[in-house]
Amino acid sequence: SYSNTNYTVAALLIEAVTGRSYGDEVHRRILRPLGMRD
């Protein structure tokens, strides 16, 4: 069953494991290395 709750929990899981905000971790791992500046 498609549920937005799953991915909100997944983003919080990222924060719990890394100690950084989910946005910062996305930027560090995906956006910056791939040059996704926009």
Full PDB file with SEQRES, HELIX, SHEET, SSBOND, CRYST1, ORIGX, SCALE, CONECT and MASTER records, all heavy atoms in Angstrom:
SEQRES   1 A   38  SER TYR SER ASN THR ASN TYR THR VAL ALA ALA LEU LEU          
SEQRES   2 A   38  ILE GLU ALA VAL THR GLY ARG SER TYR GLY ASP GLU VAL          
SEQRES   3 A   38  HIS ARG ARG ILE LEU ARG PRO LEU GLY MET ARG ASP              
HELIX    1 AA1 ASN A    4  THR A   18  1                                  15    
HELIX    2 AA2 TYR A   22  VAL A   26  1                                   5    
HELIX    3 AA3 HIS A   27  LEU A   31  3                                   5    
HELIX    4 AA4 ARG A   32  LEU A   34  1                                   3    
CRYST1    1.000    1.000    1.000  90.00  90.00  90.00 P 1           1          
ORIGX1      1.000000  0.000000  0.000000        0.00000                         
ORIGX2      0.000000  1.000000  0.000000        0.00000                         
ORIGX3      0.000000  0.000000  1.000000        0.00000                         
SCALE1      1.000000  0.000000  0.000000        0.00000                         
SCALE2      0.000000  1.000000  0.000000        0.00000                         
SCALE3      0.000000  0.000000  1.000000        0.00000                         
ATOM      1  N   SER A   1       0.853  -1.183   0.000  1.00  0.00           N  
ATOM      2  CA  SER A   1       0.000   0.000   0.000  1.00  0.00           C  
ATOM      3  C   SER A   1       0.891   1.236   0.000  1.00  0.00           C  
ATOM      4  O   SER A   1       1.688   1.446   0.923  1.00  0.00           O  
ATOM      5  CB  SER A   1      -0.926   0.021   1.213  1.00  0.00           C  
ATOM      6  OG  SER A   1      -1.763   1.164   1.183  1.00  0.00           O  
ATOM      7  N   TYR A   2       0.757   2.036  -1.051  1.00  0.00           N  
ATOM      8  CA  TYR A   2       1.586   3.232  -1.212  1.00  0.00           C  
ATOM      9  C   TYR A   2       1.272   4.212  -0.082  1.00  0.00           C  
ATOM     10  O   TYR A   2       0.138   4.646   0.082  1.00  0.00           O  
ATOM     11  CB  TYR A   2       1.291   3.862  -2.566  1.00  0.00           C  
ATOM     12  CG  TYR A   2       2.250   4.935  -2.985  1.00  0.00           C  
ATOM     13  CD1 TYR A   2       3.351   4.640  -3.782  1.00  0.00           C  
ATOM     14  CD2 TYR A   2       2.058   6.263  -2.607  1.00  0.00           C  
ATOM     15  CE1 TYR A   2       4.230   5.621  -4.191  1.00  0.00           C  
ATOM     16  CE2 TYR A   2       2.920   7.253  -3.007  1.00  0.00           C  
ATOM     17  CZ  TYR A   2       4.007   6.931  -3.793  1.00  0.00           C  
ATOM     18  OH  TYR A   2       4.881   7.919  -4.191  1.00  0.00           O  
ATOM     19  N   SER A   3       2.281   4.566   0.699  1.00  0.00           N  
ATOM     20  CA  SER A   3       2.079   5.412   1.872  1.00  0.00           C  
ATOM     21  C   SER A   3       3.217   6.410   2.018  1.00  0.00           C  
ATOM     22  O   SER A   3       4.389   6.026   2.121  1.00  0.00           O  
ATOM     23  CB  SER A   3       1.986   4.550   3.139  1.00  0.00           C  
ATOM     24  OG  SER A   3       1.972   5.345   4.300  1.00  0.00           O  
ATOM     25  N   ASN A   4       2.871   7.692   2.042  1.00  0.00           N  
ATOM     26  CA  ASN A   4       3.883   8.725   2.247  1.00  0.00           C  
ATOM     27  C   ASN A   4       4.587   8.573   3.586  1.00  0.00           C  
ATOM     28  O   ASN A   4       5.745   8.979   3.735  1.00  0.00           O  
ATOM     29  CB  ASN A   4       3.244  10.107   2.137  1.00  0.00           C  
ATOM     30  CG  ASN A   4       2.875  10.458   0.713  1.00  0.00           C  
ATOM     31  OD1 ASN A   4       3.655  10.274  -0.213  1.00  0.00           O  
ATOM     32  ND2 ASN A   4       1.665  10.951   0.513  1.00  0.00           N  
ATOM     33  N   THR A   5       3.896   7.982   4.555  1.00  0.00           N  
ATOM     34  CA  THR A   5       4.482   7.796   5.879  1.00  0.00           C  
ATOM     35  C   THR A   5       5.776   6.996   5.802  1.00  0.00           C  
ATOM     36  O   THR A   5       6.735   7.280   6.533  1.00  0.00           O  
ATOM     37  CB  THR A   5       3.478   7.071   6.802  1.00  0.00           C  
ATOM     38  OG1 THR A   5       2.233   7.764   6.772  1.00  0.00           O  
ATOM     39  CG2 THR A   5       4.000   7.017   8.224  1.00  0.00           C  
ATOM     40  N   ASN A   6       5.821   6.007   4.912  1.00  0.00           N  
ATOM     41  CA  ASN A   6       7.026   5.185   4.792  1.00  0.00           C  
ATOM     42  C   ASN A   6       8.259   6.029   4.514  1.00  0.00           C  
ATOM     43  O   ASN A   6       9.341   5.783   5.079  1.00  0.00           O  
ATOM     44  CB  ASN A   6       6.841   4.154   3.673  1.00  0.00           C  
ATOM     45  CG  ASN A   6       5.874   3.058   4.039  1.00  0.00           C  
ATOM     46  OD1 ASN A   6       5.919   2.517   5.133  1.00  0.00           O  
ATOM     47  ND2 ASN A   6       4.976   2.730   3.122  1.00  0.00           N  
ATOM     48  N   TYR A   7       8.135   7.008   3.636  1.00  0.00           N  
ATOM     49  CA  TYR A   7       9.310   7.783   3.238  1.00  0.00           C  
ATOM     50  C   TYR A   7       9.622   8.921   4.195  1.00  0.00           C  
ATOM     51  O   TYR A   7      10.772   9.352   4.285  1.00  0.00           O  
ATOM     52  CB  TYR A   7       9.171   8.239   1.785  1.00  0.00           C  
ATOM     53  CG  TYR A   7       9.639   7.133   0.865  1.00  0.00           C  
ATOM     54  CD1 TYR A   7       8.826   6.038   0.599  1.00  0.00           C  
ATOM     55  CD2 TYR A   7      10.920   7.143   0.339  1.00  0.00           C  
ATOM     56  CE1 TYR A   7       9.273   4.988  -0.181  1.00  0.00           C  
ATOM     57  CE2 TYR A   7      11.383   6.100  -0.449  1.00  0.00           C  
ATOM     58  CZ  TYR A   7      10.556   5.021  -0.711  1.00  0.00           C  
ATOM     59  OH  TYR A   7      11.009   3.977  -1.477  1.00  0.00           O  
ATOM     60  N   THR A   8       8.625   9.389   4.937  1.00  0.00           N  
ATOM     61  CA  THR A   8       8.932  10.316   6.024  1.00  0.00           C  
ATOM     62  C   THR A   8       9.728   9.588   7.102  1.00  0.00           C  
ATOM     63  O   THR A   8      10.717  10.114   7.618  1.00  0.00           O  
ATOM     64  CB  THR A   8       7.633  10.908   6.606  1.00  0.00           C  
ATOM     65  OG1 THR A   8       7.001  11.715   5.596  1.00  0.00           O  
ATOM     66  CG2 THR A   8       7.921  11.777   7.823  1.00  0.00           C  
ATOM     67  N   VAL A   9       9.329   8.365   7.433  1.00  0.00           N  
ATOM     68  CA  VAL A   9      10.094   7.561   8.389  1.00  0.00           C  
ATOM     69  C   VAL A   9      11.479   7.257   7.829  1.00  0.00           C  
ATOM     70  O   VAL A   9      12.487   7.303   8.557  1.00  0.00           O  
ATOM     71  CB  VAL A   9       9.345   6.260   8.738  1.00  0.00           C  
ATOM     72  CG1 VAL A   9      10.210   5.370   9.635  1.00  0.00           C  
ATOM     73  CG2 VAL A   9       8.024   6.569   9.440  1.00  0.00           C  
ATOM     74  N   ALA A  10      11.582   6.981   6.529  1.00  0.00           N  
ATOM     75  CA  ALA A  10      12.888   6.703   5.914  1.00  0.00           C  
ATOM     76  C   ALA A  10      13.821   7.903   6.019  1.00  0.00           C  
ATOM     77  O   ALA A  10      15.017   7.759   6.293  1.00  0.00           O  
ATOM     78  CB  ALA A  10      12.707   6.286   4.455  1.00  0.00           C  
ATOM     79  N   ALA A  11      13.277   9.116   5.811  1.00  0.00           N  
ATOM     80  CA  ALA A  11      14.094  10.324   5.934  1.00  0.00           C  
ATOM     81  C   ALA A  11      14.555  10.522   7.378  1.00  0.00           C  
ATOM     82  O   ALA A  11      15.699  10.923   7.636  1.00  0.00           O  
ATOM     83  CB  ALA A  11      13.304  11.534   5.451  1.00  0.00           C  
ATOM     84  N   LEU A  12      13.669  10.237   8.337  1.00  0.00           N  
ATOM     85  CA  LEU A  12      14.055  10.320   9.746  1.00  0.00           C  
ATOM     86  C   LEU A  12      15.078   9.240  10.093  1.00  0.00           C  
ATOM     87  O   LEU A  12      15.955   9.454  10.949  1.00  0.00           O  
ATOM     88  CB  LEU A  12      12.822  10.186  10.632  1.00  0.00           C  
ATOM     89  CG  LEU A  12      11.842  11.365  10.576  1.00  0.00           C  
ATOM     90  CD1 LEU A  12      10.586  11.049  11.370  1.00  0.00           C  
ATOM     91  CD2 LEU A  12      12.489  12.643  11.092  1.00  0.00           C  
ATOM     92  N   LEU A  13      15.002   8.114   9.425  1.00  0.00           N  
ATOM     93  CA  LEU A  13      15.986   7.047   9.616  1.00  0.00           C  
ATOM     94  C   LEU A  13      17.366   7.532   9.162  1.00  0.00           C  
ATOM     95  O   LEU A  13      18.382   7.274   9.833  1.00  0.00           O  
ATOM     96  CB  LEU A  13      15.552   5.815   8.827  1.00  0.00           C  
ATOM     97  CG  LEU A  13      16.277   4.494   9.049  1.00  0.00           C  
ATOM     98  CD1 LEU A  13      16.185   4.058  10.501  1.00  0.00           C  
ATOM     99  CD2 LEU A  13      15.691   3.424   8.124  1.00  0.00           C  
ATOM    100  N   ILE A  14      17.413   8.238   8.045  1.00  0.00           N  
ATOM    101  CA  ILE A  14      18.673   8.831   7.574  1.00  0.00           C  
ATOM    102  C   ILE A  14      19.252   9.754   8.640  1.00  0.00           C  
ATOM    103  O   ILE A  14      20.456   9.719   8.944  1.00  0.00           O  
ATOM    104  CB  ILE A  14      18.443   9.596   6.262  1.00  0.00           C  
ATOM    105  CG1 ILE A  14      18.105   8.634   5.128  1.00  0.00           C  
ATOM    106  CG2 ILE A  14      19.672  10.450   5.903  1.00  0.00           C  
ATOM    107  CD1 ILE A  14      17.631   9.322   3.856  1.00  0.00           C  
ATOM    108  N   GLU A  15      18.395  10.580   9.221  1.00  0.00           N  
ATOM    109  CA  GLU A  15      18.862  11.525  10.240  1.00  0.00           C  
ATOM    110  C   GLU A  15      19.369  10.805  11.478  1.00  0.00           C  
ATOM    111  O   GLU A  15      20.399  11.175  12.060  1.00  0.00           O  
ATOM    112  CB  GLU A  15      17.732  12.489  10.599  1.00  0.00           C  
ATOM    113  CG  GLU A  15      17.314  13.372   9.441  1.00  0.00           C  
ATOM    114  CD  GLU A  15      16.337  14.460   9.814  1.00  0.00           C  
ATOM    115  OE1 GLU A  15      15.722  14.373  10.900  1.00  0.00           O  
ATOM    116  OE2 GLU A  15      16.186  15.413   9.028  1.00  0.00           O  
ATOM    117  N   ALA A  16      18.657   9.750  11.891  1.00  0.00           N  
ATOM    118  CA  ALA A  16      19.047   9.023  13.098  1.00  0.00           C  
ATOM    119  C   ALA A  16      20.392   8.336  12.927  1.00  0.00           C  
ATOM    120  O   ALA A  16      21.216   8.295  13.859  1.00  0.00           O  
ATOM    121  CB  ALA A  16      17.973   7.994  13.444  1.00  0.00           C  
ATOM    122  N   VAL A  17      20.652   7.799  11.739  1.00  0.00           N  
ATOM    123  CA  VAL A  17      21.879   7.039  11.501  1.00  0.00           C  
ATOM    124  C   VAL A  17      23.077   7.960  11.261  1.00  0.00           C  
ATOM    125  O   VAL A  17      24.192   7.664  11.702  1.00  0.00           O  
ATOM    126  CB  VAL A  17      21.677   6.082  10.305  1.00  0.00           C  
ATOM    127  CG1 VAL A  17      22.997   5.439   9.889  1.00  0.00           C  
ATOM    128  CG2 VAL A  17      20.664   5.006  10.664  1.00  0.00           C  
ATOM    129  N   THR A  18      22.865   9.081  10.562  1.00  0.00           N  
ATOM    130  CA  THR A  18      23.984   9.948  10.183  1.00  0.00           C  
ATOM    131  C   THR A  18      24.236  11.089  11.151  1.00  0.00           C  
ATOM    132  O   THR A  18      25.331  11.661  11.163  1.00  0.00           O  
ATOM    133  CB  THR A  18      23.754  10.554   8.789  1.00  0.00           C  
ATOM    134  OG1 THR A  18      22.617  11.441   8.834  1.00  0.00           O  
ATOM    135  CG2 THR A  18      23.514   9.458   7.750  1.00  0.00           C  
ATOM    136  N   GLY A  19      23.214  11.479  11.925  1.00  0.00           N  
ATOM    137  CA  GLY A  19      23.358  12.630  12.799  1.00  0.00           C  
ATOM    138  C   GLY A  19      23.254  13.947  12.065  1.00  0.00           C  
ATOM    139  O   GLY A  19      23.507  15.010  12.645  1.00  0.00           O  
ATOM    140  N   ARG A  20      22.880  13.910  10.789  1.00  0.00           N  
ATOM    141  CA  ARG A  20      22.686  15.118   9.995  1.00  0.00           C  
ATOM    142  C   ARG A  20      21.255  15.171   9.491  1.00  0.00           C  
ATOM    143  O   ARG A  20      20.580  14.147   9.419  1.00  0.00           O  
ATOM    144  CB  ARG A  20      23.658  15.163   8.808  1.00  0.00           C  
ATOM    145  CG  ARG A  20      25.092  15.479   9.182  1.00  0.00           C  
ATOM    146  CD  ARG A  20      25.978  15.490   7.950  1.00  0.00           C  
ATOM    147  NE  ARG A  20      26.261  14.122   7.508  1.00  0.00           N  
ATOM    148  CZ  ARG A  20      27.326  13.432   7.875  1.00  0.00           C  
ATOM    149  NH1 ARG A  20      28.200  13.951   8.713  1.00  0.00           N  
ATOM    150  NH2 ARG A  20      27.517  12.205   7.434  1.00  0.00           N  
ATOM    151  N   SER A  21      20.804  16.359   9.087  1.00  0.00           N  
ATOM    152  CA  SER A  21      19.464  16.472   8.531  1.00  0.00           C  
ATOM    153  C   SER A  21      19.381  15.684   7.239  1.00  0.00           C  
ATOM    154  O   SER A  21      20.389  15.509   6.536  1.00  0.00           O  
ATOM    155  CB  SER A  21      19.102  17.931   8.272  1.00  0.00           C  
ATOM    156  OG  SER A  21      19.785  18.425   7.134  1.00  0.00           O  
ATOM    157  N   TYR A  22      18.200  15.212   6.933  1.00  0.00           N  
ATOM    158  CA  TYR A  22      18.029  14.446   5.695  1.00  0.00           C  
ATOM    159  C   TYR A  22      18.400  15.286   4.484  1.00  0.00           C  
ATOM    160  O   TYR A  22      19.014  14.795   3.529  1.00  0.00           O  
ATOM    161  CB  TYR A  22      16.602  13.889   5.642  1.00  0.00           C  
ATOM    162  CG  TYR A  22      15.745  14.279   4.475  1.00  0.00           C  
ATOM    163  CD1 TYR A  22      15.902  13.669   3.233  1.00  0.00           C  
ATOM    164  CD2 TYR A  22      14.754  15.253   4.614  1.00  0.00           C  
ATOM    165  CE1 TYR A  22      15.090  14.019   2.169  1.00  0.00           C  
ATOM    166  CE2 TYR A  22      13.940  15.592   3.559  1.00  0.00           C  
ATOM    167  CZ  TYR A  22      14.115  14.991   2.333  1.00  0.00           C  
ATOM    168  OH  TYR A  22      13.313  15.332   1.276  1.00  0.00           O  
ATOM    169  N   GLY A  23      18.072  16.583   4.526  1.00  0.00           N  
ATOM    170  CA  GLY A  23      18.428  17.462   3.408  1.00  0.00           C  
ATOM    171  C   GLY A  23      19.926  17.596   3.241  1.00  0.00           C  
ATOM    172  O   GLY A  23      20.447  17.563   2.119  1.00  0.00           O  
ATOM    173  N   ASP A  24      20.656  17.754   4.343  1.00  0.00           N  
ATOM    174  CA  ASP A  24      22.115  17.860   4.274  1.00  0.00           C  
ATOM    175  C   ASP A  24      22.725  16.577   3.733  1.00  0.00           C  
ATOM    176  O   ASP A  24      23.688  16.603   2.946  1.00  0.00           O  
ATOM    177  CB  ASP A  24      22.687  18.151   5.661  1.00  0.00           C  
ATOM    178  CG  ASP A  24      22.466  19.589   6.094  1.00  0.00           C  
ATOM    179  OD1 ASP A  24      22.082  20.427   5.252  1.00  0.00           O  
ATOM    180  OD2 ASP A  24      22.660  19.870   7.296  1.00  0.00           O  
ATOM    181  N   GLU A  25      22.172  15.444   4.136  1.00  0.00           N  
ATOM    182  CA  GLU A  25      22.729  14.164   3.687  1.00  0.00           C  
ATOM    183  C   GLU A  25      22.436  13.929   2.205  1.00  0.00           C  
ATOM    184  O   GLU A  25      23.278  13.408   1.469  1.00  0.00           O  
ATOM    185  CB  GLU A  25      22.166  13.029   4.536  1.00  0.00           C  
ATOM    186  CG  GLU A  25      22.989  11.765   4.524  1.00  0.00           C  
ATOM    187  CD  GLU A  25      24.360  11.917   5.163  1.00  0.00           C  
ATOM    188  OE1 GLU A  25      24.652  12.967   5.790  1.00  0.00           O  
ATOM    189  OE2 GLU A  25      25.157  10.966   5.042  1.00  0.00           O  
ATOM    190  N   VAL A  26      21.262  14.322   1.738  1.00  0.00           N  
ATOM    191  CA  VAL A  26      20.954  14.242   0.311  1.00  0.00           C  
ATOM    192  C   VAL A  26      21.912  15.128  -0.479  1.00  0.00           C  
ATOM    193  O   VAL A  26      22.422  14.735  -1.541  1.00  0.00           O  
ATOM    194  CB  VAL A  26      19.487  14.643   0.047  1.00  0.00           C  
ATOM    195  CG1 VAL A  26      19.252  14.915  -1.438  1.00  0.00           C  
ATOM    196  CG2 VAL A  26      18.533  13.556   0.530  1.00  0.00           C  
ATOM    197  N   HIS A  27      22.167  16.310   0.032  1.00  0.00           N  
ATOM    198  CA  HIS A  27      23.079  17.230  -0.658  1.00  0.00           C  
ATOM    199  C   HIS A  27      24.493  16.653  -0.695  1.00  0.00           C  
ATOM    200  O   HIS A  27      25.165  16.698  -1.736  1.00  0.00           O  
ATOM    201  CB  HIS A  27      23.070  18.585   0.048  1.00  0.00           C  
ATOM    202  CG  HIS A  27      23.759  19.664  -0.723  1.00  0.00           C  
ATOM    203  ND1 HIS A  27      25.110  19.915  -0.617  1.00  0.00           N  
ATOM    204  CD2 HIS A  27      23.285  20.550  -1.647  1.00  0.00           C  
ATOM    205  CE1 HIS A  27      25.444  20.912  -1.425  1.00  0.00           C  
ATOM    206  NE2 HIS A  27      24.364  21.306  -2.062  1.00  0.00           N  
ATOM    207  N   ARG A  28      24.950  16.094   0.413  1.00  0.00           N  
ATOM    208  CA  ARG A  28      26.317  15.583   0.506  1.00  0.00           C  
ATOM    209  C   ARG A  28      26.537  14.353  -0.359  1.00  0.00           C  
ATOM    210  O   ARG A  28      27.585  14.201  -0.998  1.00  0.00           O  
ATOM    211  CB  ARG A  28      26.623  15.242   1.973  1.00  0.00           C  
ATOM    212  CG  ARG A  28      28.064  14.855   2.257  1.00  0.00           C  
ATOM    213  CD  ARG A  28      28.277  14.660   3.739  1.00  0.00           C  
ATOM    214  NE  ARG A  28      27.724  13.397   4.213  1.00  0.00           N  
ATOM    215  CZ  ARG A  28      28.411  12.253   4.212  1.00  0.00           C  
ATOM    216  NH1 ARG A  28      29.652  12.208   3.748  1.00  0.00           N  
ATOM    217  NH2 ARG A  28      27.854  11.147   4.680  1.00  0.00           N  
ATOM    218  N   ARG A  29      25.516  13.483  -0.440  1.00  0.00           N  
ATOM    219  CA  ARG A  29      25.684  12.202  -1.116  1.00  0.00           C  
ATOM    220  C   ARG A  29      25.222  12.194  -2.574  1.00  0.00           C  
ATOM    221  O   ARG A  29      25.730  11.406  -3.375  1.00  0.00           O  
ATOM    222  CB  ARG A  29      24.919  11.115  -0.359  1.00  0.00           C  
ATOM    223  CG  ARG A  29      25.488  10.752   0.982  1.00  0.00           C  
ATOM    224  CD  ARG A  29      24.582   9.802   1.728  1.00  0.00           C  
ATOM    225  NE  ARG A  29      25.174   9.329   2.972  1.00  0.00           N  
ATOM    226  CZ  ARG A  29      25.908   8.220   3.078  1.00  0.00           C  
ATOM    227  NH1 ARG A  29      26.107   7.465   2.013  1.00  0.00           N  
ATOM    228  NH2 ARG A  29      26.420   7.856   4.236  1.00  0.00           N  
ATOM    229  N   ILE A  30      24.244  13.037  -2.899  1.00  0.00           N  
ATOM    230  CA  ILE A  30      23.641  12.981  -4.239  1.00  0.00           C  
ATOM    231  C   ILE A  30      23.812  14.288  -5.003  1.00  0.00           C  
ATOM    232  O   ILE A  30      24.400  14.314  -6.093  1.00  0.00           O  
ATOM    233  CB  ILE A  30      22.131  12.643  -4.136  1.00  0.00           C  
ATOM    234  CG1 ILE A  30      21.895  11.366  -3.319  1.00  0.00           C  
ATOM    235  CG2 ILE A  30      21.541  12.516  -5.548  1.00  0.00           C  
ATOM    236  CD1 ILE A  30      22.402  10.108  -3.940  1.00  0.00           C  
ATOM    237  N   LEU A  31      23.310  15.367  -4.458  1.00  0.00           N  
ATOM    238  CA  LEU A  31      23.242  16.617  -5.218  1.00  0.00           C  
ATOM    239  C   LEU A  31      24.622  17.170  -5.550  1.00  0.00           C  
ATOM    240  O   LEU A  31      24.890  17.526  -6.708  1.00  0.00           O  
ATOM    241  CB  LEU A  31      22.423  17.663  -4.448  1.00  0.00           C  
ATOM    242  CG  LEU A  31      21.023  17.236  -3.982  1.00  0.00           C  
ATOM    243  CD1 LEU A  31      20.289  18.425  -3.377  1.00  0.00           C  
ATOM    244  CD2 LEU A  31      20.225  16.625  -5.128  1.00  0.00           C  
ATOM    245  N   ARG A  32      25.490  17.264  -4.564  1.00  0.00           N  
ATOM    246  CA  ARG A  32      26.813  17.836  -4.813  1.00  0.00           C  
ATOM    247  C   ARG A  32      27.660  16.957  -5.736  1.00  0.00           C  
ATOM    248  O   ARG A  32      28.222  17.459  -6.727  1.00  0.00           O  
ATOM    249  CB  ARG A  32      27.541  18.085  -3.495  1.00  0.00           C  
ATOM    250  CG  ARG A  32      28.873  18.842  -3.679  1.00  0.00           C  
ATOM    251  CD  ARG A  32      29.618  18.926  -2.361  1.00  0.00           C  
ATOM    252  NE  ARG A  32      28.803  19.541  -1.329  1.00  0.00           N  
ATOM    253  CZ  ARG A  32      29.019  19.370  -0.020  1.00  0.00           C  
ATOM    254  NH1 ARG A  32      29.992  18.584   0.404  1.00  0.00           N  
ATOM    255  NH2 ARG A  32      28.255  19.976   0.857  1.00  0.00           N  
ATOM    256  N   PRO A  33      27.780  15.641  -5.482  1.00  0.00           N  
ATOM    257  CA  PRO A  33      28.599  14.820  -6.385  1.00  0.00           C  
ATOM    258  C   PRO A  33      28.106  14.801  -7.825  1.00  0.00           C  
ATOM    259  O   PRO A  33      28.914  14.717  -8.758  1.00  0.00           O  
ATOM    260  CB  PRO A  33      28.507  13.419  -5.758  1.00  0.00           C  
ATOM    261  CG  PRO A  33      28.182  13.657  -4.332  1.00  0.00           C  
ATOM    262  CD  PRO A  33      27.310  14.865  -4.313  1.00  0.00           C  
ATOM    263  N   LEU A  34      26.801  14.887  -8.038  1.00  0.00           N  
ATOM    264  CA  LEU A  34      26.256  14.821  -9.394  1.00  0.00           C  
ATOM    265  C   LEU A  34      26.104  16.204 -10.034  1.00  0.00           C  
ATOM    266  O   LEU A  34      25.684  16.303 -11.179  1.00  0.00           O  
ATOM    267  CB  LEU A  34      24.889  14.123  -9.382  1.00  0.00           C  
ATOM    268  CG  LEU A  34      24.885  12.653  -8.954  1.00  0.00           C  
ATOM    269  CD1 LEU A  34      23.482  12.071  -9.081  1.00  0.00           C  
ATOM    270  CD2 LEU A  34      25.881  11.830  -9.764  1.00  0.00           C  
ATOM    271  N   GLY A  35      26.433  17.254  -9.305  1.00  0.00           N  
ATOM    272  CA  GLY A  35      26.300  18.602  -9.859  1.00  0.00           C  
ATOM    273  C   GLY A  35      24.848  19.023 -10.033  1.00  0.00           C  
ATOM    274  O   GLY A  35      24.534  19.805 -10.937  1.00  0.00           O  
ATOM    275  N   MET A  36      23.967  18.537  -9.169  1.00  0.00           N  
ATOM    276  CA  MET A  36      22.544  18.895  -9.250  1.00  0.00           C  
ATOM    277  C   MET A  36      22.322  20.216  -8.510  1.00  0.00           C  
ATOM    278  O   MET A  36      21.710  20.291  -7.444  1.00  0.00           O  
ATOM    279  CB  MET A  36      21.697  17.761  -8.667  1.00  0.00           C  
ATOM    280  CG  MET A  36      21.794  16.458  -9.451  1.00  0.00           C  
ATOM    281  SD  MET A  36      20.988  15.033  -8.636  1.00  0.00           S  
ATOM    282  CE  MET A  36      19.259  15.540  -8.619  1.00  0.00           C  
ATOM    283  N   ARG A  37      22.821  21.282  -9.104  1.00  0.00           N  
ATOM    284  CA  ARG A  37      22.852  22.588  -8.439  1.00  0.00           C  
ATOM    285  C   ARG A  37      21.491  23.252  -8.318  1.00  0.00           C  
ATOM    286  O   ARG A  37      21.312  24.173  -7.531  1.00  0.00           O  
ATOM    287  CB  ARG A  37      23.813  23.520  -9.194  1.00  0.00           C  
ATOM    288  CG  ARG A  37      25.256  23.033  -9.209  1.00  0.00           C  
ATOM    289  CD  ARG A  37      26.168  23.983  -9.954  1.00  0.00           C  
ATOM    290  NE  ARG A  37      27.540  23.483  -9.993  1.00  0.00           N  
ATOM    291  CZ  ARG A  37      28.004  22.655 -10.911  1.00  0.00           C  
ATOM    292  NH1 ARG A  37      27.199  22.223 -11.873  1.00  0.00           N  
ATOM    293  NH2 ARG A  37      29.259  22.246 -10.875  1.00  0.00           N  
ATOM    294  N   ASP A  38      20.534  22.808  -9.118  1.00  0.00           N  
ATOM    295  CA  ASP A  38      19.219  23.450  -9.102  1.00  0.00           C  
ATOM    296  C   ASP A  38      18.177  22.647  -8.328  1.00  0.00           C  
ATOM    297  O   ASP A  38      16.985  22.949  -8.398  1.00  0.00           O  
ATOM    298  CB  ASP A  38      18.734  23.677 -10.541  1.00  0.00           C  
ATOM    299  CG  ASP A  38      19.648  24.622 -11.298  1.00  0.00           C  
ATOM    300  OD1 ASP A  38      20.119  25.597 -10.689  1.00  0.00           O  
ATOM    301  OD2 ASP A  38      19.909  24.377 -12.498  1.00  0.00           O  
TER     302      ASP A  38                                                      
MASTER        0    0    0    4    0    0    0    6  301    1    0    3          
END                                                                             
